[in-house]
Amino acid sequence: MERYAGALEEAADGARQQERHYQLLSALQSLVKELPSSFQQRLSYTTLSDLALALLDGTVFEIVQGLLEIQHLTEKSLYNQRLRLQNEHRGCGAPDPRGTAGNGPQDRPGARPEGG
C-alpha cells in the first residue's frame, strides 16, 4: 500500500513540475516575442525549454544567491576601506616629509588619546 501511495505522490510531483515547466516556457516565449526578430530566430523552442528546466532545477537561484552574498560582502569591504581612507586623509593634513605620519597606533580610526 505504501508503494502505491508513493507512486501516486511521485506522479503528482511530476505533474506539478511539468505544469511549472509549461508556465516558465510560456513566460519565456512571451519575453522572446518582445525581442527583435534577429534575436528571436536564435532562440529555438528547445533552447527555451532547456532554460525553463534549468530554472526549475533551482541551481540557478543558488548561484545567484551566492553571487548576491559575495556582492554584499564586497560592497561592505569597499565601504569600510573608503571610510578608513577618508579618516586617514582627514587626519593627516599635509603629508609628513619623513613619510611616518599616520603610522602610529594613535592615528588609527577609533584610537583613544593616551591617558584618556
PDB file of N, CA and C in Angstrom:
ATOM      1  N   MET A   1       0.824  -1.196   0.000  1.00  0.00           N
ATOM      2  CA  MET A   1       0.000   0.000   0.000  1.00  0.00           C
ATOM      3  C   MET A   1       0.868   1.261   0.000  1.00  0.00           C
ATOM      4  N   GLU A   2       1.966   1.239   0.794  1.00  0.00           N
ATOM      5  CA  GLU A   2       2.858   2.394   0.840  1.00  0.00           C
ATOM      6  C   GLU A   2       3.468   2.657  -0.524  1.00  0.00           C
ATOM      7  N   ARG A   3       3.793   1.582  -1.222  1.00  0.00           N
ATOM      8  CA  ARG A   3       4.399   1.721  -2.545  1.00  0.00           C
ATOM      9  C   ARG A   3       3.437   2.411  -3.503  1.00  0.00           C
ATOM     10  N   TYR A   4       2.178   2.060  -3.408  1.00  0.00           N
ATOM     11  CA  TYR A   4       1.164   2.660  -4.263  1.00  0.00           C
ATOM     12  C   TYR A   4       1.011   4.148  -3.947  1.00  0.00           C
ATOM     13  N   ALA A   5       0.995   4.494  -2.655  1.00  0.00           N
ATOM     14  CA  ALA A   5       0.870   5.898  -2.244  1.00  0.00           C
ATOM     15  C   ALA A   5       2.087   6.686  -2.709  1.00  0.00           C
ATOM     16  N   GLY A   6       3.270   6.082  -2.605  1.00  0.00           N
ATOM     17  CA  GLY A   6       4.493   6.739  -3.067  1.00  0.00           C
ATOM     18  C   GLY A   6       4.465   6.988  -4.561  1.00  0.00           C
ATOM     19  N   ALA A   7       3.944   6.032  -5.311  1.00  0.00           N
ATOM     20  CA  ALA A   7       3.856   6.185  -6.763  1.00  0.00           C
ATOM     21  C   ALA A   7       2.887   7.306  -7.127  1.00  0.00           C
ATOM     22  N   LEU A   8       1.785   7.398  -6.410  1.00  0.00           N
ATOM     23  CA  LEU A   8       0.821   8.473  -6.668  1.00  0.00           C
ATOM     24  C   LEU A   8       1.436   9.836  -6.360  1.00  0.00           C
ATOM     25  N   GLU A   9       2.189   9.900  -5.265  1.00  0.00           N
ATOM     26  CA  GLU A   9       2.823  11.160  -4.890  1.00  0.00           C
ATOM     27  C   GLU A   9       3.858  11.574  -5.934  1.00  0.00           C
ATOM     28  N   GLU A  10       4.635  10.616  -6.416  1.00  0.00           N
ATOM     29  CA  GLU A  10       5.627  10.916  -7.452  1.00  0.00           C
ATOM     30  C   GLU A  10       4.950  11.394  -8.729  1.00  0.00           C
ATOM     31  N   ALA A  11       3.838  10.771  -9.080  1.00  0.00           N
ATOM     32  CA  ALA A  11       3.106  11.179 -10.277  1.00  0.00           C
ATOM     33  C   ALA A  11       2.570  12.602 -10.117  1.00  0.00           C
ATOM     34  N   ALA A  12       2.075  12.916  -8.929  1.00  0.00           N
ATOM     35  CA  ALA A  12       1.564  14.266  -8.676  1.00  0.00           C
ATOM     36  C   ALA A  12       2.697  15.279  -8.738  1.00  0.00           C
ATOM     37  N   ASP A  13       3.859  14.927  -8.160  1.00  0.00           N
ATOM     38  CA  ASP A  13       5.019  15.821  -8.222  1.00  0.00           C
ATOM     39  C   ASP A  13       5.454  16.029  -9.667  1.00  0.00           C
ATOM     40  N   GLY A  14       5.452  14.953 -10.435  1.00  0.00           N
ATOM     41  CA  GLY A  14       5.827  15.049 -11.848  1.00  0.00           C
ATOM     42  C   GLY A  14       4.868  15.936 -12.619  1.00  0.00           C
ATOM     43  N   ALA A  15       3.582  15.812 -12.317  1.00  0.00           N
ATOM     44  CA  ALA A  15       2.581  16.639 -12.993  1.00  0.00           C
ATOM     45  C   ALA A  15       2.751  18.108 -12.613  1.00  0.00           C
ATOM     46  N   ARG A  16       3.039  18.369 -11.328  1.00  0.00           N
ATOM     47  CA  ARG A  16       3.262  19.754 -10.892  1.00  0.00           C
ATOM     48  C   ARG A  16       4.506  20.336 -11.566  1.00  0.00           C
ATOM     49  N   GLN A  17       5.555  19.521 -11.637  1.00  0.00           N
ATOM     50  CA  GLN A  17       6.786  20.003 -12.259  1.00  0.00           C
ATOM     51  C   GLN A  17       6.565  20.249 -13.755  1.00  0.00           C
ATOM     52  N   GLN A  18       5.818  19.376 -14.396  1.00  0.00           N
ATOM     53  CA  GLN A  18       5.531  19.566 -15.819  1.00  0.00           C
ATOM     54  C   GLN A  18       4.696  20.829 -16.040  1.00  0.00           C
ATOM     55  N   GLU A  19       3.739  21.079 -15.173  1.00  0.00           N
ATOM     56  CA  GLU A  19       2.912  22.283 -15.274  1.00  0.00           C
ATOM     57  C   GLU A  19       3.762  23.533 -15.072  1.00  0.00           C
ATOM     58  N   ARG A  20       4.657  23.478 -14.090  1.00  0.00           N
ATOM     59  CA  ARG A  20       5.551  24.619 -13.832  1.00  0.00           C
ATOM     60  C   ARG A  20       6.478  24.848 -15.022  1.00  0.00           C
ATOM     61  N   HIS A  21       6.961  23.754 -15.613  1.00  0.00           N
ATOM     62  CA  HIS A  21       7.814  23.859 -16.802  1.00  0.00           C
ATOM     63  C   HIS A  21       7.049  24.550 -17.930  1.00  0.00           C
ATOM     64  N   TYR A  22       5.804  24.151 -18.118  1.00  0.00           N
ATOM     65  CA  TYR A  22       4.986  24.756 -19.166  1.00  0.00           C
ATOM     66  C   TYR A  22       4.778  26.248 -18.900  1.00  0.00           C
ATOM     67  N   GLN A  23       4.532  26.618 -17.642  1.00  0.00           N
ATOM     68  CA  GLN A  23       4.337  28.031 -17.298  1.00  0.00           C
ATOM     69  C   GLN A  23       5.603  28.844 -17.574  1.00  0.00           C
ATOM     70  N   LEU A  24       6.748  28.307 -17.162  1.00  0.00           N
ATOM     71  CA  LEU A  24       8.010  29.012 -17.403  1.00  0.00           C
ATOM     72  C   LEU A  24       8.294  29.132 -18.893  1.00  0.00           C
ATOM     73  N   LEU A  25       8.047  28.063 -19.625  1.00  0.00           N
ATOM     74  CA  LEU A  25       8.272  28.072 -21.067  1.00  0.00           C
ATOM     75  C   LEU A  25       7.376  29.104 -21.743  1.00  0.00           C
ATOM     76  N   SER A  26       6.123  29.178 -21.332  1.00  0.00           N
ATOM     77  CA  SER A  26       5.204  30.175 -21.899  1.00  0.00           C
ATOM     78  C   SER A  26       5.680  31.592 -21.587  1.00  0.00           C
ATOM     79  N   ALA A  27       6.143  31.811 -20.363  1.00  0.00           N
ATOM     80  CA  ALA A  27       6.644  33.135 -19.986  1.00  0.00           C
ATOM     81  C   ALA A  27       7.881  33.491 -20.808  1.00  0.00           C
ATOM     82  N   LEU A  28       8.775  32.533 -20.993  1.00  0.00           N
ATOM     83  CA  LEU A  28       9.976  32.785 -21.799  1.00  0.00           C
ATOM     84  C   LEU A  28       9.609  33.089 -23.249  1.00  0.00           C
ATOM     85  N   GLN A  29       8.643  32.350 -23.782  1.00  0.00           N
ATOM     86  CA  GLN A  29       8.212  32.603 -25.161  1.00  0.00           C
ATOM     87  C   GLN A  29       7.614  34.000 -25.290  1.00  0.00           C
ATOM     88  N   SER A  30       6.884  34.444 -24.292  1.00  0.00           N
ATOM     89  CA  SER A  30       6.326  35.802 -24.318  1.00  0.00           C
ATOM     90  C   SER A  30       7.434  36.847 -24.297  1.00  0.00           C
ATOM     91  N   LEU A  31       8.463  36.600 -23.493  1.00  0.00           N
ATOM     92  CA  LEU A  31       9.591  37.534 -23.435  1.00  0.00           C
ATOM     93  C   LEU A  31      10.332  37.585 -24.765  1.00  0.00           C
ATOM     94  N   VAL A  32      10.478  36.430 -25.387  1.00  0.00           N
ATOM     95  CA  VAL A  32      11.198  36.366 -26.665  1.00  0.00           C
ATOM     96  C   VAL A  32      10.445  37.144 -27.741  1.00  0.00           C
ATOM     97  N   LYS A  33       9.130  37.143 -27.684  1.00  0.00           N
ATOM     98  CA  LYS A  33       8.337  37.871 -28.682  1.00  0.00           C
ATOM     99  C   LYS A  33       8.615  39.369 -28.649  1.00  0.00           C
ATOM    100  N   GLU A  34       9.090  39.865 -27.507  1.00  0.00           N
ATOM    101  CA  GLU A  34       9.392  41.291 -27.376  1.00  0.00           C
ATOM    102  C   GLU A  34      10.762  41.646 -27.945  1.00  0.00           C
ATOM    103  N   LEU A  35      11.562  40.631 -28.260  1.00  0.00           N
ATOM    104  CA  LEU A  35      12.906  40.867 -28.802  1.00  0.00           C
ATOM    105  C   LEU A  35      12.849  41.152 -30.297  1.00  0.00           C
ATOM    106  N   PRO A  36      13.884  41.805 -30.825  1.00  0.00           N
ATOM    107  CA  PRO A  36      13.965  41.972 -32.280  1.00  0.00           C
ATOM    108  C   PRO A  36      14.010  40.599 -32.967  1.00  0.00           C
ATOM    109  N   SER A  37      13.502  40.536 -34.181  1.00  0.00           N
ATOM    110  CA  SER A  37      13.379  39.249 -34.875  1.00  0.00           C
ATOM    111  C   SER A  37      14.719  38.541 -35.056  1.00  0.00           C
ATOM    112  N   SER A  38      15.804  39.294 -35.193  1.00  0.00           N
ATOM    113  CA  SER A  38      17.112  38.647 -35.358  1.00  0.00           C
ATOM    114  C   SER A  38      17.482  37.823 -34.120  1.00  0.00           C
ATOM    115  N   PHE A  39      17.055  38.268 -32.946  1.00  0.00           N
ATOM    116  CA  PHE A  39      17.322  37.509 -31.721  1.00  0.00           C
ATOM    117  C   PHE A  39      16.316  36.373 -31.558  1.00  0.00           C
ATOM    118  N   GLN A  40      15.083  36.622 -31.973  1.00  0.00           N
ATOM    119  CA  GLN A  40      14.056  35.589 -31.852  1.00  0.00           C
ATOM    120  C   GLN A  40      14.453  34.333 -32.614  1.00  0.00           C
ATOM    121  N   GLN A  41      15.059  34.517 -33.775  1.00  0.00           N
ATOM    122  CA  GLN A  41      15.445  33.376 -34.606  1.00  0.00           C
ATOM    123  C   GLN A  41      16.508  32.515 -33.936  1.00  0.00           C
ATOM    124  N   ARG A  42      17.300  33.098 -33.079  1.00  0.00           N
ATOM    125  CA  ARG A  42      18.391  32.362 -32.427  1.00  0.00           C
ATOM    126  C   ARG A  42      17.924  31.555 -31.219  1.00  0.00           C
ATOM    127  N   LEU A  43      16.739  31.844 -30.721  1.00  0.00           N
ATOM    128  CA  LEU A  43      16.238  31.160 -29.532  1.00  0.00           C
ATOM    129  C   LEU A  43      15.181  30.137 -29.933  1.00  0.00           C
ATOM    130  N   SER A  44      15.623  28.919 -30.122  1.00  0.00           N
ATOM    131  CA  SER A  44      14.708  27.863 -30.547  1.00  0.00           C
ATOM    132  C   SER A  44      13.828  27.410 -29.375  1.00  0.00           C
ATOM    133  N   TYR A  45      12.805  26.651 -29.708  1.00  0.00           N
ATOM    134  CA  TYR A  45      11.921  26.081 -28.698  1.00  0.00           C
ATOM    135  C   TYR A  45      12.727  25.215 -27.733  1.00  0.00           C
ATOM    136  N   THR A  46      13.655  24.442 -28.278  1.00  0.00           N
ATOM    137  CA  THR A  46      14.484  23.558 -27.447  1.00  0.00           C
ATOM    138  C   THR A  46      15.320  24.362 -26.459  1.00  0.00           C
ATOM    139  N   THR A  47      15.901  25.458 -26.927  1.00  0.00           N
ATOM    140  CA  THR A  47      16.713  26.305 -26.048  1.00  0.00           C
ATOM    141  C   THR A  47      15.859  26.876 -24.924  1.00  0.00           C
ATOM    142  N   LEU A  48      14.681  27.361 -25.267  1.00  0.00           N
ATOM    143  CA  LEU A  48      13.790  27.921 -24.246  1.00  0.00           C
ATOM    144  C   LEU A  48      13.323  26.844 -23.266  1.00  0.00           C
ATOM    145  N   SER A  49      13.052  25.654 -23.777  1.00  0.00           N
ATOM    146  CA  SER A  49      12.636  24.553 -22.919  1.00  0.00           C
ATOM    147  C   SER A  49      13.759  24.163 -21.954  1.00  0.00           C
ATOM    148  N   ASP A  50      14.980  24.099 -22.469  1.00  0.00           N
ATOM    149  CA  ASP A  50      16.128  23.784 -21.612  1.00  0.00           C
ATOM    150  C   ASP A  50      16.331  24.864 -20.547  1.00  0.00           C
ATOM    151  N   LEU A  51      16.137  26.113 -20.927  1.00  0.00           N
ATOM    152  CA  LEU A  51      16.257  27.212 -19.967  1.00  0.00           C
ATOM    153  C   LEU A  51      15.188  27.095 -18.881  1.00  0.00           C
ATOM    154  N   ALA A  52      13.971  26.765 -19.274  1.00  0.00           N
ATOM    155  CA  ALA A  52      12.890  26.581 -18.297  1.00  0.00           C
ATOM    156  C   ALA A  52      13.223  25.440 -17.338  1.00  0.00           C
ATOM    157  N   LEU A  53      13.785  24.356 -17.856  1.00  0.00           N
ATOM    158  CA  LEU A  53      14.180  23.235 -16.996  1.00  0.00           C
ATOM    159  C   LEU A  53      15.291  23.644 -16.029  1.00  0.00           C
ATOM    160  N   ALA A  54      16.225  24.455 -16.522  1.00  0.00           N
ATOM    161  CA  ALA A  54      17.309  24.929 -15.657  1.00  0.00           C
ATOM    162  C   ALA A  54      16.756  25.798 -14.532  1.00  0.00           C
ATOM    163  N   LEU A  55      15.740  26.583 -14.829  1.00  0.00           N
ATOM    164  CA  LEU A  55      15.116  27.415 -13.796  1.00  0.00           C
ATOM    165  C   LEU A  55      14.369  26.558 -12.772  1.00  0.00           C
ATOM    166  N   LEU A  56      13.784  25.462 -13.235  1.00  0.00           N
ATOM    167  CA  LEU A  56      13.081  24.554 -12.328  1.00  0.00           C
ATOM    168  C   LEU A  56      14.034  23.871 -11.364  1.00  0.00           C
ATOM    169  N   ASP A  57      15.244  23.624 -11.830  1.00  0.00           N
ATOM    170  CA  ASP A  57      16.246  22.892 -11.056  1.00  0.00           C
ATOM    171  C   ASP A  57      16.563  23.580  -9.736  1.00  0.00           C
ATOM    172  N   GLY A  58      16.638  24.889  -9.730  1.00  0.00           N
ATOM    173  CA  GLY A  58      16.968  25.617  -8.515  1.00  0.00           C
ATOM    174  C   GLY A  58      18.440  25.961  -8.407  1.00  0.00           C
ATOM    175  N   THR A  59      19.279  25.304  -9.189  1.00  0.00           N
ATOM    176  CA  THR A  59      20.715  25.576  -9.153  1.00  0.00           C
ATOM    177  C   THR A  59      20.995  27.020  -9.529  1.00  0.00           C
ATOM    178  N   VAL A  60      20.284  27.523 -10.518  1.00  0.00           N
ATOM    179  CA  VAL A  60      20.483  28.901 -10.969  1.00  0.00           C
ATOM    180  C   VAL A  60      20.236  29.867  -9.813  1.00  0.00           C
ATOM    181  N   PHE A  61      19.181  29.623  -9.060  1.00  0.00           N
ATOM    182  CA  PHE A  61      18.853  30.515  -7.949  1.00  0.00           C
ATOM    183  C   PHE A  61      19.896  30.427  -6.837  1.00  0.00           C
ATOM    184  N   GLU A  62      20.445  29.226  -6.614  1.00  0.00           N
ATOM    185  CA  GLU A  62      21.510  29.077  -5.619  1.00  0.00           C
ATOM    186  C   GLU A  62      22.748  29.849  -6.044  1.00  0.00           C
ATOM    187  N   ILE A  63      23.081  29.788  -7.322  1.00  0.00           N
ATOM    188  CA  ILE A  63      24.238  30.520  -7.836  1.00  0.00           C
ATOM    189  C   ILE A  63      24.017  32.021  -7.679  1.00  0.00           C
ATOM    190  N   VAL A  64      22.831  32.491  -8.055  1.00  0.00           N
ATOM    191  CA  VAL A  64      22.518  33.920  -7.942  1.00  0.00           C
ATOM    192  C   VAL A  64      22.571  34.357  -6.480  1.00  0.00           C
ATOM    193  N   GLN A  65      22.057  33.535  -5.573  1.00  0.00           N
ATOM    194  CA  GLN A  65      22.092  33.873  -4.148  1.00  0.00           C
ATOM    195  C   GLN A  65      23.532  33.976  -3.661  1.00  0.00           C
ATOM    196  N   GLY A  66      24.381  33.043  -4.092  1.00  0.00           N
ATOM    197  CA  GLY A  66      25.792  33.094  -3.723  1.00  0.00           C
ATOM    198  C   GLY A  66      26.472  34.343  -4.250  1.00  0.00           C
ATOM    199  N   LEU A  67      26.177  34.692  -5.495  1.00  0.00           N
ATOM    200  CA  LEU A  67      26.756  35.901  -6.082  1.00  0.00           C
ATOM    201  C   LEU A  67      26.269  37.153  -5.364  1.00  0.00           C
ATOM    202  N   LEU A  68      25.020  37.151  -4.952  1.00  0.00           N
ATOM    203  CA  LEU A  68      24.469  38.288  -4.214  1.00  0.00           C
ATOM    204  C   LEU A  68      25.183  38.462  -2.871  1.00  0.00           C
ATOM    205  N   GLU A  69      25.440  37.353  -2.190  1.00  0.00           N
ATOM    206  CA  GLU A  69      26.162  37.425  -0.919  1.00  0.00           C
ATOM    207  C   GLU A  69      27.574  37.950  -1.128  1.00  0.00           C
ATOM    208  N   ILE A  70      28.238  37.479  -2.183  1.00  0.00           N
ATOM    209  CA  ILE A  70      29.587  37.953  -2.495  1.00  0.00           C
ATOM    210  C   ILE A  70      29.567  39.449  -2.781  1.00  0.00           C
ATOM    211  N   GLN A  71      28.567  39.899  -3.535  1.00  0.00           N
ATOM    212  CA  GLN A  71      28.449  41.321  -3.854  1.00  0.00           C
ATOM    213  C   GLN A  71      28.277  42.149  -2.579  1.00  0.00           C
ATOM    214  N   HIS A  72      27.422  41.698  -1.674  1.00  0.00           N
ATOM    215  CA  HIS A  72      27.192  42.441  -0.431  1.00  0.00           C
ATOM    216  C   HIS A  72      28.465  42.515   0.406  1.00  0.00           C
ATOM    217  N   LEU A  73      29.189  41.403   0.497  1.00  0.00           N
ATOM    218  CA  LEU A  73      30.438  41.406   1.265  1.00  0.00           C
ATOM    219  C   LEU A  73      31.468  42.335   0.634  1.00  0.00           C
ATOM    220  N   THR A  74      31.541  42.320  -0.703  1.00  0.00           N
ATOM    221  CA  THR A  74      32.486  43.189  -1.404  1.00  0.00           C
ATOM    222  C   THR A  74      32.126  44.650  -1.186  1.00  0.00           C
ATOM    223  N   GLU A  75      30.842  44.979  -1.306  1.00  0.00           N
ATOM    224  CA  GLU A  75      30.410  46.363  -1.095  1.00  0.00           C
ATOM    225  C   GLU A  75      30.701  46.821   0.329  1.00  0.00           C
ATOM    226  N   LYS A  76      30.475  45.951   1.298  1.00  0.00           N
ATOM    227  CA  LYS A  76      30.743  46.298   2.695  1.00  0.00           C
ATOM    228  C   LYS A  76      32.235  46.537   2.896  1.00  0.00           C
ATOM    229  N   SER A  77      33.052  45.673   2.318  1.00  0.00           N
ATOM    230  CA  SER A  77      34.504  45.822   2.438  1.00  0.00           C
ATOM    231  C   SER A  77      34.980  47.119   1.793  1.00  0.00           C
ATOM    232  N   LEU A  78      34.469  47.412   0.605  1.00  0.00           N
ATOM    233  CA  LEU A  78      34.865  48.642  -0.085  1.00  0.00           C
ATOM    234  C   LEU A  78      34.398  49.879   0.677  1.00  0.00           C
ATOM    235  N   TYR A  79      33.216  49.818   1.263  1.00  0.00           N
ATOM    236  CA  TYR A  79      32.701  50.943   2.049  1.00  0.00           C
ATOM    237  C   TYR A  79      33.601  51.186   3.260  1.00  0.00           C
ATOM    238  N   ASN A  80      33.957  50.107   3.957  1.00  0.00           N
ATOM    239  CA  ASN A  80      34.837  50.247   5.119  1.00  0.00           C
ATOM    240  C   ASN A  80      36.206  50.772   4.715  1.00  0.00           C
ATOM    241  N   GLN A  81      36.717  50.314   3.577  1.00  0.00           N
ATOM    242  CA  GLN A  81      38.006  50.796   3.079  1.00  0.00           C
ATOM    243  C   GLN A  81      37.917  52.288   2.760  1.00  0.00           C
ATOM    244  N   ARG A  82      36.818  52.699   2.167  1.00  0.00           N
ATOM    245  CA  ARG A  82      36.610  54.109   1.836  1.00  0.00           C
ATOM    246  C   ARG A  82      36.581  54.966   3.098  1.00  0.00           C
ATOM    247  N   LEU A  83      35.846  54.507   4.108  1.00  0.00           N
ATOM    248  CA  LEU A  83      35.793  55.249   5.370  1.00  0.00           C
ATOM    249  C   LEU A  83      37.174  55.359   6.007  1.00  0.00           C
ATOM    250  N   ARG A  84      37.920  54.255   5.987  1.00  0.00           N
ATOM    251  CA  ARG A  84      39.257  54.257   6.579  1.00  0.00           C
ATOM    252  C   ARG A  84      40.156  55.249   5.854  1.00  0.00           C
ATOM    253  N   LEU A  85      40.109  55.240   4.525  1.00  0.00           N
ATOM    254  CA  LEU A  85      40.937  56.166   3.747  1.00  0.00           C
ATOM    255  C   LEU A  85      40.522  57.615   3.971  1.00  0.00           C
ATOM    256  N   GLN A  86      39.222  57.865   4.062  1.00  0.00           N
ATOM    257  CA  GLN A  86      38.758  59.225   4.341  1.00  0.00           C
ATOM    258  C   GLN A  86      39.260  59.697   5.697  1.00  0.00           C
ATOM    259  N   ASN A  87      39.193  58.831   6.690  1.00  0.00           N
ATOM    260  CA  ASN A  87      39.677  59.195   8.027  1.00  0.00           C
ATOM    261  C   ASN A  87      41.175  59.451   8.013  1.00  0.00           C
ATOM    262  N   GLU A  88      41.913  58.646   7.270  1.00  0.00           N
ATOM    263  CA  GLU A  88      43.358  58.848   7.178  1.00  0.00           C
ATOM    264  C   GLU A  88      43.672  60.189   6.527  1.00  0.00           C
ATOM    265  N   HIS A  89      42.974  60.512   5.464  1.00  0.00           N
ATOM    266  CA  HIS A  89      43.234  61.764   4.752  1.00  0.00           C
ATOM    267  C   HIS A  89      42.813  62.980   5.574  1.00  0.00           C
ATOM    268  N   ARG A  90      41.736  62.861   6.321  1.00  0.00           N
ATOM    269  CA  ARG A  90      41.300  63.971   7.174  1.00  0.00           C
ATOM    270  C   ARG A  90      42.303  64.213   8.301  1.00  0.00           C
ATOM    271  N   GLY A  91      42.828  63.143   8.850  1.00  0.00           N
ATOM    272  CA  GLY A  91      43.722  63.251   9.987  1.00  0.00           C
ATOM    273  C   GLY A  91      45.119  63.696   9.621  1.00  0.00           C
ATOM    274  N   CYS A  92      45.542  63.462   8.406  1.00  0.00           N
ATOM    275  CA  CYS A  92      46.921  63.752   8.012  1.00  0.00           C
ATOM    276  C   CYS A  92      47.149  65.222   7.747  1.00  0.00           C
ATOM    277  N   GLY A  93      46.263  65.877   7.067  1.00  0.00           N
ATOM    278  CA  GLY A  93      46.502  67.259   6.633  1.00  0.00           C
ATOM    279  C   GLY A  93      47.582  67.237   5.579  1.00  0.00           C
ATOM    280  N   ALA A  94      48.708  67.900   5.858  1.00  0.00           N
ATOM    281  CA  ALA A  94      49.834  67.889   4.921  1.00  0.00           C
ATOM    282  C   ALA A  94      50.656  66.629   5.168  1.00  0.00           C
ATOM    283  N   PRO A  95      51.141  65.994   4.113  1.00  0.00           N
ATOM    284  CA  PRO A  95      51.925  64.775   4.297  1.00  0.00           C
ATOM    285  C   PRO A  95      53.239  65.064   5.018  1.00  0.00           C
ATOM    286  N   ASP A  96      53.650  64.154   5.884  1.00  0.00           N
ATOM    287  CA  ASP A  96      54.907  64.264   6.626  1.00  0.00           C
ATOM    288  C   ASP A  96      56.057  63.974   5.669  1.00  0.00           C
ATOM    289  N   PRO A  97      57.035  64.871   5.583  1.00  0.00           N
ATOM    290  CA  PRO A  97      58.142  64.654   4.648  1.00  0.00           C
ATOM    291  C   PRO A  97      58.925  63.382   4.961  1.00  0.00           C
ATOM    292  N   ARG A  98      58.907  62.922   6.210  1.00  0.00           N
ATOM    293  CA  ARG A  98      59.612  61.683   6.556  1.00  0.00           C
ATOM    294  C   ARG A  98      58.789  60.453   6.196  1.00  0.00           C
ATOM    295  N   GLY A  99      57.514  60.658   5.874  1.00  0.00           N
ATOM    296  CA  GLY A  99      56.658  59.540   5.484  1.00  0.00           C
ATOM    297  C   GLY A  99      56.190  58.702   6.655  1.00  0.00           C
ATOM    298  N   THR A 100      56.229  59.243   7.873  1.00  0.00           N
ATOM    299  CA  THR A 100      55.837  58.464   9.042  1.00  0.00           C
ATOM    300  C   THR A 100      54.509  58.896   9.638  1.00  0.00           C
ATOM    301  N   ALA A 101      53.947  59.991   9.184  1.00  0.00           N
ATOM    302  CA  ALA A 101      52.678  60.460   9.749  1.00  0.00           C
ATOM    303  C   ALA A 101      51.578  59.459   9.446  1.00  0.00           C
ATOM    304  N   GLY A 102      50.732  59.240  10.426  1.00  0.00           N
ATOM    305  CA  GLY A 102      49.595  58.355  10.229  1.00  0.00           C
ATOM    306  C   GLY A 102      49.932  56.889  10.398  1.00  0.00           C
ATOM    307  N   ASN A 103      51.149  56.560  10.868  1.00  0.00           N
ATOM    308  CA  ASN A 103      51.526  55.165  11.007  1.00  0.00           C
ATOM    309  C   ASN A 103      51.477  54.672  12.447  1.00  0.00           C
ATOM    310  N   GLY A 104      51.306  55.562  13.402  1.00  0.00           N
ATOM    311  CA  GLY A 104      51.302  55.163  14.802  1.00  0.00           C
ATOM    312  C   GLY A 104      49.942  54.654  15.232  1.00  0.00           C
ATOM    313  N   PRO A 105      49.896  53.960  16.383  1.00  0.00           N
ATOM    314  CA  PRO A 105      48.612  53.426  16.856  1.00  0.00           C
ATOM    315  C   PRO A 105      47.609  54.522  17.172  1.00  0.00           C
ATOM    316  N   GLN A 106      48.094  55.713  17.550  1.00  0.00           N
ATOM    317  CA  GLN A 106      47.186  56.818  17.853  1.00  0.00           C
ATOM    318  C   GLN A 106      46.505  57.354  16.604  1.00  0.00           C
ATOM    319  N   ASP A 107      47.028  57.045  15.427  1.00  0.00           N
ATOM    320  CA  ASP A 107      46.477  57.561  14.176  1.00  0.00           C
ATOM    321  C   ASP A 107      45.416  56.649  13.572  1.00  0.00           C
ATOM    322  N   ARG A 108      45.182  55.505  14.172  1.00  0.00           N
ATOM    323  CA  ARG A 108      44.177  54.587  13.641  1.00  0.00           C
ATOM    324  C   ARG A 108      42.787  55.105  13.988  1.00  0.00           C
ATOM    325  N   PRO A 109      41.809  54.886  13.078  1.00  0.00           N
ATOM    326  CA  PRO A 109      40.440  55.327  13.377  1.00  0.00           C
ATOM    327  C   PRO A 109      39.932  54.656  14.648  1.00  0.00           C
ATOM    328  N   GLY A 110      39.351  55.442  15.528  1.00  0.00           N
ATOM    329  CA  GLY A 110      38.786  54.910  16.758  1.00  0.00           C
ATOM    330  C   GLY A 110      39.792  54.822  17.893  1.00  0.00           C
ATOM    331  N   ALA A 111      41.041  55.246  17.659  1.00  0.00           N
ATOM    332  CA  ALA A 111      42.050  55.177  18.715  1.00  0.00           C
ATOM    333  C   ALA A 111      41.768  56.242  19.765  1.00  0.00           C
ATOM    334  N   ARG A 112      42.041  55.919  21.020  1.00  0.00           N
ATOM    335  CA  ARG A 112      41.830  56.861  22.119  1.00  0.00           C
ATOM    336  C   ARG A 112      43.134  57.573  22.428  1.00  0.00           C
ATOM    337  N   PRO A 113      43.053  58.843  22.814  1.00  0.00           N
ATOM    338  CA  PRO A 113      44.275  59.547  23.219  1.00  0.00           C
ATOM    339  C   PRO A 113      44.844  58.908  24.481  1.00  0.00           C
ATOM    340  N   GLU A 114      46.169  58.967  24.607  1.00  0.00           N
ATOM    341  CA  GLU A 114      46.813  58.372  25.777  1.00  0.00           C
ATOM    342  C   GLU A 114      46.371  59.096  27.035  1.00  0.00           C
ATOM    343  N   GLY A 115      46.190  58.320  28.091  1.00  0.00           N
ATOM    344  CA  GLY A 115      45.797  58.887  29.369  1.00  0.00           C
ATOM    345  C   GLY A 115      44.308  59.150  29.470  1.00  0.00           C
ATOM    346  N   GLY A 116      43.523  58.838  28.440  1.00  0.00           N
ATOM    347  CA  GLY A 116      42.102  59.166  28.485  1.00  0.00           C
ATOM    348  C   GLY A 116      41.315  57.990  28.309  1.00  0.00           C
TER     349      GLY A 116
END
